[in-house]
Amino acid sequence: MKLRINPMASDIIITIYVVATLFYRFKFENEMPISAINSMVIGICFVAIIWALIKLKVLNPNWFGLFNSKKTKS
């Protein structure tokens, strides 16, 4: 049995994760003098975690309905 999170909860989890990691990066980079390369590596690692969870189908984002392929007929 695979763990699958519904689309709306996935959207919320991804949003909270992105905001928290950005806050962490800004706070960490302000306190420590690190180079731009180190900052990019940290960012890529954070993105890779979310990407892996989406590829493994643990997170199933709906992107808050922004990319609906269904068109309404008038």
N, C-alpha and C. Protein backbone atom coordinates (compact mmCIF):
# COMPACT_ATOMS: atom_id res chain seq x y z
N MET A 1 0.84 -1.18 0.00
CA MET A 1 0.00 0.00 0.00
C MET A 1 0.89 1.24 0.00
N LYS A 2 0.70 2.07 -1.01
CA LYS A 2 1.48 3.29 -1.15
C LYS A 2 0.83 4.43 -0.40
N LEU A 3 1.66 5.27 0.18
CA LEU A 3 1.16 6.46 0.82
C LEU A 3 0.90 7.51 -0.24
N ARG A 4 -0.35 7.96 -0.36
CA ARG A 4 -0.71 9.00 -1.32
C ARG A 4 -1.50 10.07 -0.59
N ILE A 5 -1.11 11.30 -0.80
CA ILE A 5 -1.78 12.42 -0.17
C ILE A 5 -2.66 13.09 -1.22
N ASN A 6 -3.88 13.47 -0.82
CA ASN A 6 -4.80 14.05 -1.80
C ASN A 6 -4.27 15.38 -2.33
N PRO A 7 -4.76 15.82 -3.49
CA PRO A 7 -4.19 16.99 -4.16
C PRO A 7 -4.23 18.28 -3.35
N MET A 8 -5.33 18.57 -2.67
CA MET A 8 -5.39 19.82 -1.92
C MET A 8 -4.40 19.81 -0.75
N ALA A 9 -4.29 18.70 -0.05
CA ALA A 9 -3.32 18.61 1.05
C ALA A 9 -1.90 18.68 0.50
N SER A 10 -1.65 18.11 -0.67
CA SER A 10 -0.34 18.19 -1.30
C SER A 10 0.03 19.63 -1.63
N ASP A 11 -0.94 20.38 -2.16
CA ASP A 11 -0.70 21.79 -2.45
C ASP A 11 -0.33 22.56 -1.19
N ILE A 12 -1.04 22.31 -0.11
CA ILE A 12 -0.77 23.01 1.15
C ILE A 12 0.58 22.62 1.71
N ILE A 13 0.91 21.34 1.67
CA ILE A 13 2.21 20.87 2.17
C ILE A 13 3.35 21.48 1.36
N ILE A 14 3.22 21.51 0.04
CA ILE A 14 4.26 22.07 -0.81
C ILE A 14 4.42 23.57 -0.55
N THR A 15 3.31 24.28 -0.39
CA THR A 15 3.38 25.72 -0.11
C THR A 15 4.07 25.99 1.21
N ILE A 16 3.70 25.26 2.26
CA ILE A 16 4.34 25.43 3.56
C ILE A 16 5.82 25.08 3.49
N TYR A 17 6.16 24.03 2.77
CA TYR A 17 7.55 23.61 2.63
C TYR A 17 8.38 24.68 1.92
N VAL A 18 7.85 25.23 0.84
CA VAL A 18 8.58 26.25 0.09
C VAL A 18 8.78 27.50 0.93
N VAL A 19 7.75 27.95 1.63
CA VAL A 19 7.87 29.14 2.47
C VAL A 19 8.87 28.89 3.60
N ALA A 20 8.78 27.73 4.24
CA ALA A 20 9.69 27.42 5.35
C ALA A 20 11.14 27.31 4.89
N THR A 21 11.37 26.68 3.75
CA THR A 21 12.75 26.55 3.27
C THR A 21 13.32 27.88 2.82
N LEU A 22 12.49 28.73 2.20
CA LEU A 22 12.97 30.06 1.84
C LEU A 22 13.32 30.87 3.08
N PHE A 23 12.46 30.81 4.09
CA PHE A 23 12.75 31.51 5.34
C PHE A 23 14.04 30.98 5.96
N TYR A 24 14.20 29.67 5.97
CA TYR A 24 15.41 29.07 6.52
C TYR A 24 16.64 29.53 5.75
N ARG A 25 16.57 29.52 4.43
CA ARG A 25 17.72 29.93 3.63
C ARG A 25 18.07 31.39 3.85
N PHE A 26 17.07 32.28 3.86
CA PHE A 26 17.35 33.70 4.07
C PHE A 26 17.94 33.94 5.46
N LYS A 27 17.39 33.27 6.46
CA LYS A 27 17.88 33.44 7.83
C LYS A 27 19.30 32.88 7.96
N PHE A 28 19.54 31.70 7.41
CA PHE A 28 20.85 31.06 7.49
C PHE A 28 21.91 31.87 6.73
N GLU A 29 21.54 32.36 5.55
CA GLU A 29 22.50 33.10 4.75
C GLU A 29 22.81 34.47 5.34
N ASN A 30 21.87 35.03 6.09
CA ASN A 30 22.14 36.30 6.77
C ASN A 30 23.11 36.11 7.93
N GLU A 31 22.98 35.00 8.66
CA GLU A 31 23.80 34.76 9.84
C GLU A 31 25.20 34.25 9.49
N MET A 32 25.31 33.49 8.43
CA MET A 32 26.60 32.90 8.04
C MET A 32 27.06 33.47 6.70
N PRO A 33 28.31 33.81 6.61
CA PRO A 33 28.81 34.27 5.30
C PRO A 33 29.12 33.07 4.40
N ILE A 34 28.15 32.70 3.55
CA ILE A 34 28.37 31.58 2.64
C ILE A 34 28.38 32.10 1.21
N SER A 35 28.97 31.33 0.34
CA SER A 35 29.10 31.76 -1.06
C SER A 35 27.81 31.49 -1.83
N ALA A 36 27.76 32.04 -3.03
CA ALA A 36 26.58 31.86 -3.89
C ALA A 36 26.44 30.40 -4.32
N ILE A 37 27.55 29.72 -4.53
CA ILE A 37 27.50 28.30 -4.93
C ILE A 37 26.88 27.47 -3.82
N ASN A 38 27.28 27.72 -2.58
CA ASN A 38 26.69 26.98 -1.46
C ASN A 38 25.19 27.25 -1.35
N SER A 39 24.79 28.47 -1.57
CA SER A 39 23.38 28.82 -1.53
C SER A 39 22.60 28.08 -2.62
N MET A 40 23.16 27.99 -3.81
CA MET A 40 22.50 27.28 -4.90
C MET A 40 22.41 25.79 -4.60
N VAL A 41 23.43 25.22 -4.02
CA VAL A 41 23.40 23.80 -3.68
C VAL A 41 22.32 23.51 -2.64
N ILE A 42 22.21 24.38 -1.64
CA ILE A 42 21.16 24.21 -0.62
C ILE A 42 19.79 24.28 -1.28
N GLY A 43 19.59 25.26 -2.16
CA GLY A 43 18.31 25.40 -2.86
C GLY A 43 17.98 24.21 -3.73
N ILE A 44 18.96 23.70 -4.44
CA ILE A 44 18.74 22.53 -5.30
C ILE A 44 18.39 21.30 -4.47
N CYS A 45 19.02 21.16 -3.32
CA CYS A 45 18.71 20.02 -2.44
C CYS A 45 17.27 20.11 -1.94
N PHE A 46 16.83 21.31 -1.56
CA PHE A 46 15.45 21.47 -1.10
C PHE A 46 14.46 21.16 -2.22
N VAL A 47 14.75 21.61 -3.43
CA VAL A 47 13.86 21.34 -4.56
C VAL A 47 13.87 19.86 -4.92
N ALA A 48 15.03 19.21 -4.81
CA ALA A 48 15.12 17.78 -5.13
C ALA A 48 14.26 16.93 -4.21
N ILE A 49 14.14 17.34 -2.96
CA ILE A 49 13.30 16.58 -2.01
C ILE A 49 11.85 16.61 -2.46
N ILE A 50 11.33 17.79 -2.79
CA ILE A 50 9.94 17.91 -3.25
C ILE A 50 9.76 17.19 -4.58
N TRP A 51 10.71 17.34 -5.49
CA TRP A 51 10.62 16.69 -6.80
C TRP A 51 10.54 15.17 -6.64
N ALA A 52 11.36 14.62 -5.74
CA ALA A 52 11.35 13.17 -5.52
C ALA A 52 10.01 12.71 -4.95
N LEU A 53 9.45 13.47 -4.02
CA LEU A 53 8.16 13.09 -3.45
C LEU A 53 7.04 13.15 -4.49
N ILE A 54 7.12 14.10 -5.41
CA ILE A 54 6.11 14.16 -6.48
C ILE A 54 6.31 13.01 -7.47
N LYS A 55 7.55 12.71 -7.82
CA LYS A 55 7.82 11.61 -8.75
C LYS A 55 7.43 10.25 -8.16
N LEU A 56 7.57 10.09 -6.85
CA LEU A 56 7.19 8.84 -6.19
C LEU A 56 5.68 8.76 -5.94
N LYS A 57 4.96 9.80 -6.34
CA LYS A 57 3.50 9.89 -6.20
C LYS A 57 3.05 9.93 -4.74
N VAL A 58 3.93 10.36 -3.85
CA VAL A 58 3.51 10.58 -2.46
C VAL A 58 2.72 11.88 -2.41
N LEU A 59 3.24 12.91 -3.07
CA LEU A 59 2.52 14.17 -3.21
C LEU A 59 1.89 14.21 -4.59
N ASN A 60 0.65 14.62 -4.65
CA ASN A 60 -0.09 14.70 -5.92
C ASN A 60 -0.62 16.11 -6.08
N PRO A 61 0.23 17.06 -6.47
CA PRO A 61 -0.22 18.45 -6.52
C PRO A 61 -1.22 18.72 -7.63
N ASN A 62 -2.13 19.59 -7.31
CA ASN A 62 -3.13 20.05 -8.26
C ASN A 62 -2.80 21.48 -8.68
N TRP A 63 -1.77 22.06 -8.09
CA TRP A 63 -1.32 23.44 -8.32
C TRP A 63 -2.46 24.42 -8.14
N PHE A 64 -3.30 24.15 -7.14
CA PHE A 64 -4.44 24.99 -6.78
C PHE A 64 -5.38 25.23 -7.96
N GLY A 65 -5.42 24.28 -8.90
CA GLY A 65 -6.33 24.36 -10.03
C GLY A 65 -5.90 25.34 -11.11
N LEU A 66 -4.66 25.79 -11.08
CA LEU A 66 -4.20 26.78 -12.06
C LEU A 66 -4.06 26.21 -13.46
N PHE A 67 -3.72 24.95 -13.56
CA PHE A 67 -3.47 24.35 -14.87
C PHE A 67 -4.54 23.31 -15.21
N ASN A 68 -5.80 23.70 -15.13
CA ASN A 68 -6.89 22.80 -15.48
C ASN A 68 -6.90 22.59 -16.99
N SER A 69 -6.88 21.33 -17.39
CA SER A 69 -6.94 21.03 -18.82
C SER A 69 -8.38 20.98 -19.32
N LYS A 70 -9.32 20.85 -18.40
CA LYS A 70 -10.73 20.81 -18.79
C LYS A 70 -11.21 22.24 -19.06
N LYS A 71 -11.82 22.40 -20.22
CA LYS A 71 -12.33 23.72 -20.58
C LYS A 71 -13.86 23.69 -20.44
N THR A 72 -14.38 24.75 -19.89
CA THR A 72 -15.84 24.83 -19.74
C THR A 72 -16.45 25.30 -21.06
N LYS A 73 -17.52 24.65 -21.42
CA LYS A 73 -18.22 25.02 -22.65
C LYS A 73 -19.33 25.99 -22.30
N SER A 74 -19.40 27.07 -23.06
CA SER A 74 -20.43 28.10 -22.81
C SER A 74 -21.58 27.95 -23.76
